[in-house]
Amino acid sequence: MLHHFMDKGPWFRAKRFGYGAGLPFKWQGWVLLLSHMAVLLGIALLLADRPLVMVPLILVVAFGPMPIYAARTEGGWKWRNGRD
């Protein structure tokens, strides 16, 4: 199963306007996005009463997989103004 995540090519569409990744178009992108959101939600719910622990952990988990998103976006992350 892990070899399906190692295939070459993008998982996310490039945004038409702005910087970053758009929505996923392959199942690997959807798995990454939904699991990322689930982990963030789980941390927020489990540690809601401990904000001094929750906030740094949320920041690490939120920004940790950004290199994966950038590497798996069509054309990489760059500023787009709608003309590409």
PDB file of N, CA and C in Angstrom:
ATOM      1  N   MET A   1       0.819  -1.195   0.000  1.00  0.00           N
ATOM      2  CA  MET A   1       0.000   0.000   0.000  1.00  0.00           C
ATOM      3  C   MET A   1       0.865   1.263   0.000  1.00  0.00           C
ATOM      4  N   LEU A   2       1.985   1.224   0.709  1.00  0.00           N
ATOM      5  CA  LEU A   2       2.843   2.401   0.785  1.00  0.00           C
ATOM      6  C   LEU A   2       3.411   2.792  -0.576  1.00  0.00           C
ATOM      7  N   HIS A   3       3.590   1.835  -1.463  1.00  0.00           N
ATOM      8  CA  HIS A   3       4.150   2.169  -2.774  1.00  0.00           C
ATOM      9  C   HIS A   3       3.220   3.061  -3.593  1.00  0.00           C
ATOM     10  N   HIS A   4       1.930   3.078  -3.288  1.00  0.00           N
ATOM     11  CA  HIS A   4       0.998   3.967  -3.991  1.00  0.00           C
ATOM     12  C   HIS A   4       1.268   5.431  -3.648  1.00  0.00           C
ATOM     13  N   PHE A   5       1.811   5.674  -2.457  1.00  0.00           N
ATOM     14  CA  PHE A   5       2.136   7.048  -2.071  1.00  0.00           C
ATOM     15  C   PHE A   5       3.463   7.504  -2.656  1.00  0.00           C
ATOM     16  N   MET A   6       4.243   6.581  -3.173  1.00  0.00           N
ATOM     17  CA  MET A   6       5.564   6.930  -3.683  1.00  0.00           C
ATOM     18  C   MET A   6       5.564   7.215  -5.187  1.00  0.00           C
ATOM     19  N   ASP A   7       4.407   7.130  -5.847  1.00  0.00           N
ATOM     20  CA  ASP A   7       4.392   7.373  -7.285  1.00  0.00           C
ATOM     21  C   ASP A   7       4.749   8.824  -7.583  1.00  0.00           C
ATOM     22  N   LYS A   8       5.338   9.039  -8.731  1.00  0.00           N
ATOM     23  CA  LYS A   8       5.750  10.378  -9.134  1.00  0.00           C
ATOM     24  C   LYS A   8       4.541  11.134  -9.667  1.00  0.00           C
ATOM     25  N   GLY A   9       4.597  12.414  -9.570  1.00  0.00           N
ATOM     26  CA  GLY A   9       3.552  13.244 -10.129  1.00  0.00           C
ATOM     27  C   GLY A   9       2.768  13.995  -9.076  1.00  0.00           C
ATOM     28  N   PRO A  10       2.041  15.005  -9.518  1.00  0.00           N
ATOM     29  CA  PRO A  10       1.304  15.854  -8.584  1.00  0.00           C
ATOM     30  C   PRO A  10       0.031  15.188  -8.066  1.00  0.00           C
ATOM     31  N   TRP A  11      -0.373  15.593  -6.879  1.00  0.00           N
ATOM     32  CA  TRP A  11      -1.630  15.160  -6.277  1.00  0.00           C
ATOM     33  C   TRP A  11      -2.611  16.314  -6.174  1.00  0.00           C
ATOM     34  N   PHE A  12      -2.095  17.545  -6.254  1.00  0.00           N
ATOM     35  CA  PHE A  12      -2.923  18.739  -6.075  1.00  0.00           C
ATOM     36  C   PHE A  12      -2.855  19.616  -7.315  1.00  0.00           C
ATOM     37  N   ARG A  13      -3.976  20.215  -7.660  1.00  0.00           N
ATOM     38  CA  ARG A  13      -4.009  21.189  -8.743  1.00  0.00           C
ATOM     39  C   ARG A  13      -3.334  22.480  -8.275  1.00  0.00           C
ATOM     40  N   ALA A  14      -2.809  23.204  -9.219  1.00  0.00           N
ATOM     41  CA  ALA A  14      -2.269  24.523  -8.908  1.00  0.00           C
ATOM     42  C   ALA A  14      -3.427  25.499  -8.746  1.00  0.00           C
ATOM     43  N   LYS A  15      -3.272  26.421  -7.819  1.00  0.00           N
ATOM     44  CA  LYS A  15      -4.283  27.454  -7.666  1.00  0.00           C
ATOM     45  C   LYS A  15      -4.255  28.364  -8.886  1.00  0.00           C
ATOM     46  N   ARG A  16      -5.403  28.867  -9.257  1.00  0.00           N
ATOM     47  CA  ARG A  16      -5.450  29.789 -10.395  1.00  0.00           C
ATOM     48  C   ARG A  16      -4.989  31.188  -9.976  1.00  0.00           C
ATOM     49  N   PHE A  17      -5.349  31.581  -8.768  1.00  0.00           N
ATOM     50  CA  PHE A  17      -4.955  32.879  -8.230  1.00  0.00           C
ATOM     51  C   PHE A  17      -4.280  32.665  -6.888  1.00  0.00           C
ATOM     52  N   GLY A  18      -3.176  33.358  -6.647  1.00  0.00           N
ATOM     53  CA  GLY A  18      -2.523  33.308  -5.354  1.00  0.00           C
ATOM     54  C   GLY A  18      -1.379  32.321  -5.293  1.00  0.00           C
ATOM     55  N   TYR A  19      -1.048  31.939  -4.061  1.00  0.00           N
ATOM     56  CA  TYR A  19       0.125  31.125  -3.785  1.00  0.00           C
ATOM     57  C   TYR A  19      -0.321  29.872  -3.050  1.00  0.00           C
ATOM     58  N   GLY A  20       0.216  28.724  -3.430  1.00  0.00           N
ATOM     59  CA  GLY A  20      -0.086  27.492  -2.707  1.00  0.00           C
ATOM     60  C   GLY A  20      -0.746  26.451  -3.580  1.00  0.00           C
ATOM     61  N   ALA A  21      -1.343  25.471  -2.912  1.00  0.00           N
ATOM     62  CA  ALA A  21      -1.968  24.343  -3.596  1.00  0.00           C
ATOM     63  C   ALA A  21      -3.476  24.529  -3.663  1.00  0.00           C
ATOM     64  N   GLY A  22      -4.061  23.979  -4.716  1.00  0.00           N
ATOM     65  CA  GLY A  22      -5.510  23.943  -4.829  1.00  0.00           C
ATOM     66  C   GLY A  22      -6.038  22.633  -4.276  1.00  0.00           C
ATOM     67  N   LEU A  23      -7.205  22.226  -4.740  1.00  0.00           N
ATOM     68  CA  LEU A  23      -7.798  20.978  -4.268  1.00  0.00           C
ATOM     69  C   LEU A  23      -7.087  19.765  -4.862  1.00  0.00           C
ATOM     70  N   PRO A  24      -7.124  18.651  -4.157  1.00  0.00           N
ATOM     71  CA  PRO A  24      -6.515  17.425  -4.685  1.00  0.00           C
ATOM     72  C   PRO A  24      -7.291  16.896  -5.882  1.00  0.00           C
ATOM     73  N   PHE A  25      -6.585  16.199  -6.762  1.00  0.00           N
ATOM     74  CA  PHE A  25      -7.256  15.526  -7.862  1.00  0.00           C
ATOM     75  C   PHE A  25      -6.916  14.045  -7.915  1.00  0.00           C
ATOM     76  N   LYS A  26      -6.075  13.580  -7.004  1.00  0.00           N
ATOM     77  CA  LYS A  26      -5.769  12.159  -6.873  1.00  0.00           C
ATOM     78  C   LYS A  26      -6.133  11.721  -5.463  1.00  0.00           C
ATOM     79  N   TRP A  27      -6.375  10.431  -5.307  1.00  0.00           N
ATOM     80  CA  TRP A  27      -6.801   9.935  -4.006  1.00  0.00           C
ATOM     81  C   TRP A  27      -5.738  10.151  -2.936  1.00  0.00           C
ATOM     82  N   GLN A  28      -4.461  10.129  -3.318  1.00  0.00           N
ATOM     83  CA  GLN A  28      -3.397  10.347  -2.341  1.00  0.00           C
ATOM     84  C   GLN A  28      -3.495  11.752  -1.737  1.00  0.00           C
ATOM     85  N   GLY A  29      -3.833  12.727  -2.570  1.00  0.00           N
ATOM     86  CA  GLY A  29      -4.001  14.086  -2.084  1.00  0.00           C
ATOM     87  C   GLY A  29      -5.171  14.209  -1.124  1.00  0.00           C
ATOM     88  N   TRP A  30      -6.280  13.521  -1.451  1.00  0.00           N
ATOM     89  CA  TRP A  30      -7.436  13.547  -0.552  1.00  0.00           C
ATOM     90  C   TRP A  30      -7.115  12.885   0.779  1.00  0.00           C
ATOM     91  N   VAL A  31      -6.379  11.771   0.751  1.00  0.00           N
ATOM     92  CA  VAL A  31      -5.995  11.101   1.996  1.00  0.00           C
ATOM     93  C   VAL A  31      -5.114  12.024   2.839  1.00  0.00           C
ATOM     94  N   LEU A  32      -4.147  12.661   2.214  1.00  0.00           N
ATOM     95  CA  LEU A  32      -3.268  13.568   2.946  1.00  0.00           C
ATOM     96  C   LEU A  32      -4.056  14.731   3.535  1.00  0.00           C
ATOM     97  N   LEU A  33      -4.891  15.354   2.740  1.00  0.00           N
ATOM     98  CA  LEU A  33      -5.645  16.514   3.197  1.00  0.00           C
ATOM     99  C   LEU A  33      -6.610  16.151   4.329  1.00  0.00           C
ATOM    100  N   LEU A  34      -7.381  15.083   4.157  1.00  0.00           N
ATOM    101  CA  LEU A  34      -8.361  14.710   5.177  1.00  0.00           C
ATOM    102  C   LEU A  34      -7.704  14.222   6.459  1.00  0.00           C
ATOM    103  N   SER A  35      -6.604  13.491   6.338  1.00  0.00           N
ATOM    104  CA  SER A  35      -5.922  13.047   7.554  1.00  0.00           C
ATOM    105  C   SER A  35      -5.270  14.232   8.272  1.00  0.00           C
ATOM    106  N   HIS A  36      -4.749  15.182   7.515  1.00  0.00           N
ATOM    107  CA  HIS A  36      -4.169  16.387   8.104  1.00  0.00           C
ATOM    108  C   HIS A  36      -5.243  17.155   8.883  1.00  0.00           C
ATOM    109  N   MET A  37      -6.405  17.322   8.280  1.00  0.00           N
ATOM    110  CA  MET A  37      -7.501  18.026   8.946  1.00  0.00           C
ATOM    111  C   MET A  37      -7.981  17.256  10.175  1.00  0.00           C
ATOM    112  N   ALA A  38      -8.039  15.931  10.088  1.00  0.00           N
ATOM    113  CA  ALA A  38      -8.496  15.118  11.221  1.00  0.00           C
ATOM    114  C   ALA A  38      -7.529  15.211  12.396  1.00  0.00           C
ATOM    115  N   VAL A  39      -6.240  15.196  12.120  1.00  0.00           N
ATOM    116  CA  VAL A  39      -5.253  15.306  13.199  1.00  0.00           C
ATOM    117  C   VAL A  39      -5.355  16.679  13.868  1.00  0.00           C
ATOM    118  N   LEU A  40      -5.500  17.731  13.076  1.00  0.00           N
ATOM    119  CA  LEU A  40      -5.637  19.071  13.651  1.00  0.00           C
ATOM    120  C   LEU A  40      -6.894  19.188  14.508  1.00  0.00           C
ATOM    121  N   LEU A  41      -7.996  18.655  14.023  1.00  0.00           N
ATOM    122  CA  LEU A  41      -9.243  18.688  14.784  1.00  0.00           C
ATOM    123  C   LEU A  41      -9.120  17.867  16.061  1.00  0.00           C
ATOM    124  N   GLY A  42      -8.496  16.699  15.974  1.00  0.00           N
ATOM    125  CA  GLY A  42      -8.313  15.858  17.150  1.00  0.00           C
ATOM    126  C   GLY A  42      -7.476  16.536  18.216  1.00  0.00           C
ATOM    127  N   ILE A  43      -6.400  17.185  17.808  1.00  0.00           N
ATOM    128  CA  ILE A  43      -5.561  17.915  18.771  1.00  0.00           C
ATOM    129  C   ILE A  43      -6.362  19.040  19.415  1.00  0.00           C
ATOM    130  N   ALA A  44      -7.121  19.767  18.617  1.00  0.00           N
ATOM    131  CA  ALA A  44      -7.899  20.887  19.145  1.00  0.00           C
ATOM    132  C   ALA A  44      -8.949  20.405  20.141  1.00  0.00           C
ATOM    133  N   LEU A  45      -9.591  19.290  19.856  1.00  0.00           N
ATOM    134  CA  LEU A  45     -10.618  18.785  20.762  1.00  0.00           C
ATOM    135  C   LEU A  45     -10.025  18.174  22.026  1.00  0.00           C
ATOM    136  N   LEU A  46      -8.940  17.430  21.887  1.00  0.00           N
ATOM    137  CA  LEU A  46      -8.349  16.759  23.043  1.00  0.00           C
ATOM    138  C   LEU A  46      -7.619  17.712  23.989  1.00  0.00           C
ATOM    139  N   LEU A  47      -7.064  18.765  23.445  1.00  0.00           N
ATOM    140  CA  LEU A  47      -6.261  19.681  24.257  1.00  0.00           C
ATOM    141  C   LEU A  47      -6.895  21.059  24.417  1.00  0.00           C
ATOM    142  N   ALA A  48      -8.192  21.148  24.260  1.00  0.00           N
ATOM    143  CA  ALA A  48      -8.880  22.441  24.345  1.00  0.00           C
ATOM    144  C   ALA A  48      -8.703  23.096  25.707  1.00  0.00           C
ATOM    145  N   ASP A  49      -8.580  22.300  26.754  1.00  0.00           N
ATOM    146  CA  ASP A  49      -8.438  22.854  28.094  1.00  0.00           C
ATOM    147  C   ASP A  49      -6.983  23.155  28.460  1.00  0.00           C
ATOM    148  N   ARG A  50      -6.052  22.884  27.546  1.00  0.00           N
ATOM    149  CA  ARG A  50      -4.616  23.140  27.794  1.00  0.00           C
ATOM    150  C   ARG A  50      -4.029  23.953  26.641  1.00  0.00           C
ATOM    151  N   PRO A  51      -4.377  25.233  26.546  1.00  0.00           N
ATOM    152  CA  PRO A  51      -3.951  26.035  25.392  1.00  0.00           C
ATOM    153  C   PRO A  51      -2.443  26.214  25.270  1.00  0.00           C
ATOM    154  N   LEU A  52      -1.719  26.162  26.372  1.00  0.00           N
ATOM    155  CA  LEU A  52      -0.269  26.333  26.285  1.00  0.00           C
ATOM    156  C   LEU A  52       0.400  25.129  25.626  1.00  0.00           C
ATOM    157  N   VAL A  53      -0.262  24.002  25.628  1.00  0.00           N
ATOM    158  CA  VAL A  53       0.236  22.810  24.936  1.00  0.00           C
ATOM    159  C   VAL A  53      -0.346  22.742  23.534  1.00  0.00           C
ATOM    160  N   MET A  54      -1.634  23.088  23.424  1.00  0.00           N
ATOM    161  CA  MET A  54      -2.350  22.948  22.158  1.00  0.00           C
ATOM    162  C   MET A  54      -1.795  23.864  21.055  1.00  0.00           C
ATOM    163  N   VAL A  55      -1.569  25.123  21.368  1.00  0.00           N
ATOM    164  CA  VAL A  55      -1.182  26.089  20.335  1.00  0.00           C
ATOM    165  C   VAL A  55       0.145  25.724  19.664  1.00  0.00           C
ATOM    166  N   PRO A  56       1.208  25.439  20.399  1.00  0.00           N
ATOM    167  CA  PRO A  56       2.452  25.061  19.713  1.00  0.00           C
ATOM    168  C   PRO A  56       2.320  23.754  18.924  1.00  0.00           C
ATOM    169  N   LEU A  57       1.572  22.804  19.491  1.00  0.00           N
ATOM    170  CA  LEU A  57       1.387  21.537  18.783  1.00  0.00           C
ATOM    171  C   LEU A  57       0.591  21.728  17.497  1.00  0.00           C
ATOM    172  N   ILE A  58      -0.438  22.553  17.548  1.00  0.00           N
ATOM    173  CA  ILE A  58      -1.223  22.870  16.345  1.00  0.00           C
ATOM    174  C   ILE A  58      -0.328  23.510  15.282  1.00  0.00           C
ATOM    175  N   LEU A  59       0.534  24.424  15.692  1.00  0.00           N
ATOM    176  CA  LEU A  59       1.413  25.085  14.727  1.00  0.00           C
ATOM    177  C   LEU A  59       2.380  24.102  14.071  1.00  0.00           C
ATOM    178  N   VAL A  60       2.951  23.220  14.856  1.00  0.00           N
ATOM    179  CA  VAL A  60       3.881  22.227  14.298  1.00  0.00           C
ATOM    180  C   VAL A  60       3.155  21.293  13.333  1.00  0.00           C
ATOM    181  N   VAL A  61       1.993  20.806  13.747  1.00  0.00           N
ATOM    182  CA  VAL A  61       1.244  19.871  12.897  1.00  0.00           C
ATOM    183  C   VAL A  61       0.685  20.585  11.667  1.00  0.00           C
ATOM    184  N   ALA A  62       0.296  21.835  11.806  1.00  0.00           N
ATOM    185  CA  ALA A  62      -0.269  22.576  10.668  1.00  0.00           C
ATOM    186  C   ALA A  62       0.771  22.847   9.590  1.00  0.00           C
ATOM    187  N   PHE A  63       1.986  23.221  10.010  1.00  0.00           N
ATOM    188  CA  PHE A  63       3.004  23.590   9.032  1.00  0.00           C
ATOM    189  C   PHE A  63       3.950  22.446   8.671  1.00  0.00           C
ATOM    190  N   GLY A  64       3.929  21.365   9.411  1.00  0.00           N
ATOM    191  CA  GLY A  64       4.828  20.241   9.164  1.00  0.00           C
ATOM    192  C   GLY A  64       4.733  19.635   7.773  1.00  0.00           C
ATOM    193  N   PRO A  65       3.527  19.332   7.285  1.00  0.00           N
ATOM    194  CA  PRO A  65       3.426  18.691   5.968  1.00  0.00           C
ATOM    195  C   PRO A  65       3.431  19.654   4.777  1.00  0.00           C
ATOM    196  N   MET A  66       3.680  20.929   4.997  1.00  0.00           N
ATOM    197  CA  MET A  66       3.685  21.884   3.887  1.00  0.00           C
ATOM    198  C   MET A  66       4.690  21.533   2.790  1.00  0.00           C
ATOM    199  N   PRO A  67       5.871  21.004   3.091  1.00  0.00           N
ATOM    200  CA  PRO A  67       6.768  20.597   2.001  1.00  0.00           C
ATOM    201  C   PRO A  67       6.176  19.493   1.117  1.00  0.00           C
ATOM    202  N   ILE A  68       5.363  18.631   1.704  1.00  0.00           N
ATOM    203  CA  ILE A  68       4.707  17.585   0.902  1.00  0.00           C
ATOM    204  C   ILE A  68       3.691  18.227  -0.032  1.00  0.00           C
ATOM    205  N   TYR A  69       2.879  19.136   0.509  1.00  0.00           N
ATOM    206  CA  TYR A  69       1.906  19.835  -0.335  1.00  0.00           C
ATOM    207  C   TYR A  69       2.609  20.575  -1.478  1.00  0.00           C
ATOM    208  N   ALA A  70       3.695  21.256  -1.171  1.00  0.00           N
ATOM    209  CA  ALA A  70       4.415  22.016  -2.195  1.00  0.00           C
ATOM    210  C   ALA A  70       5.022  21.100  -3.247  1.00  0.00           C
ATOM    211  N   ALA A  71       5.588  19.986  -2.822  1.00  0.00           N
ATOM    212  CA  ALA A  71       6.226  19.065  -3.768  1.00  0.00           C
ATOM    213  C   ALA A  71       5.209  18.350  -4.646  1.00  0.00           C
ATOM    214  N   ARG A  72       4.000  18.189  -4.169  1.00  0.00           N
ATOM    215  CA  ARG A  72       2.978  17.433  -4.902  1.00  0.00           C
ATOM    216  C   ARG A  72       1.935  18.321  -5.583  1.00  0.00           C
ATOM    217  N   THR A  73       2.250  19.603  -5.765  1.00  0.00           N
ATOM    218  CA  THR A  73       1.364  20.524  -6.475  1.00  0.00           C
ATOM    219  C   THR A  73       1.856  20.692  -7.903  1.00  0.00           C
ATOM    220  N   GLU A  74       0.922  20.712  -8.852  1.00  0.00           N
ATOM    221  CA  GLU A  74       1.277  20.915 -10.263  1.00  0.00           C
ATOM    222  C   GLU A  74       2.042  22.220 -10.420  1.00  0.00           C
ATOM    223  N   GLY A  75       3.249  22.151 -10.914  1.00  0.00           N
ATOM    224  CA  GLY A  75       4.044  23.351 -11.143  1.00  0.00           C
ATOM    225  C   GLY A  75       4.649  23.956  -9.897  1.00  0.00           C
ATOM    226  N   GLY A  76       4.487  23.309  -8.757  1.00  0.00           N
ATOM    227  CA  GLY A  76       5.038  23.836  -7.515  1.00  0.00           C
ATOM    228  C   GLY A  76       4.266  25.032  -7.004  1.00  0.00           C
ATOM    229  N   TRP A  77       4.725  25.556  -5.913  1.00  0.00           N
ATOM    230  CA  TRP A  77       4.091  26.736  -5.329  1.00  0.00           C
ATOM    231  C   TRP A  77       4.763  27.976  -5.883  1.00  0.00           C
ATOM    232  N   LYS A  78       3.986  28.810  -6.500  1.00  0.00           N
ATOM    233  CA  LYS A  78       4.446  30.114  -6.960  1.00  0.00           C
ATOM    234  C   LYS A  78       3.225  31.019  -7.067  1.00  0.00           C
ATOM    235  N   TRP A  79       3.460  32.292  -7.150  1.00  0.00           N
ATOM    236  CA  TRP A  79       2.360  33.237  -7.260  1.00  0.00           C
ATOM    237  C   TRP A  79       1.735  33.108  -8.651  1.00  0.00           C
ATOM    238  N   ARG A  80       0.431  33.004  -8.673  1.00  0.00           N
ATOM    239  CA  ARG A  80      -0.308  32.900  -9.943  1.00  0.00           C
ATOM    240  C   ARG A  80      -1.355  34.021  -9.985  1.00  0.00           C
ATOM    241  N   ASN A  81      -1.470  34.630 -11.146  1.00  0.00           N
ATOM    242  CA  ASN A  81      -2.409  35.745 -11.283  1.00  0.00           C
ATOM    243  C   ASN A  81      -3.566  35.435 -12.236  1.00  0.00           C
ATOM    244  N   GLY A  82      -3.788  34.179 -12.543  1.00  0.00           N
ATOM    245  CA  GLY A  82      -4.921  33.788 -13.381  1.00  0.00           C
ATOM    246  C   GLY A  82      -4.591  33.674 -14.854  1.00  0.00           C
ATOM    247  N   ARG A  83      -3.411  34.030 -15.261  1.00  0.00           N
ATOM    248  CA  ARG A  83      -3.057  33.969 -16.685  1.00  0.00           C
ATOM    249  C   ARG A  83      -2.335  32.682 -17.068  1.00  0.00           C
ATOM    250  N   ASP A  84      -1.961  31.871 -16.085  1.00  0.00           N
ATOM    251  CA  ASP A  84      -1.224  30.623 -16.381  1.00  0.00           C
ATOM    252  C   ASP A  84      -2.159  29.550 -16.901  1.00  0.00           C
TER     253      ASP A  84
END
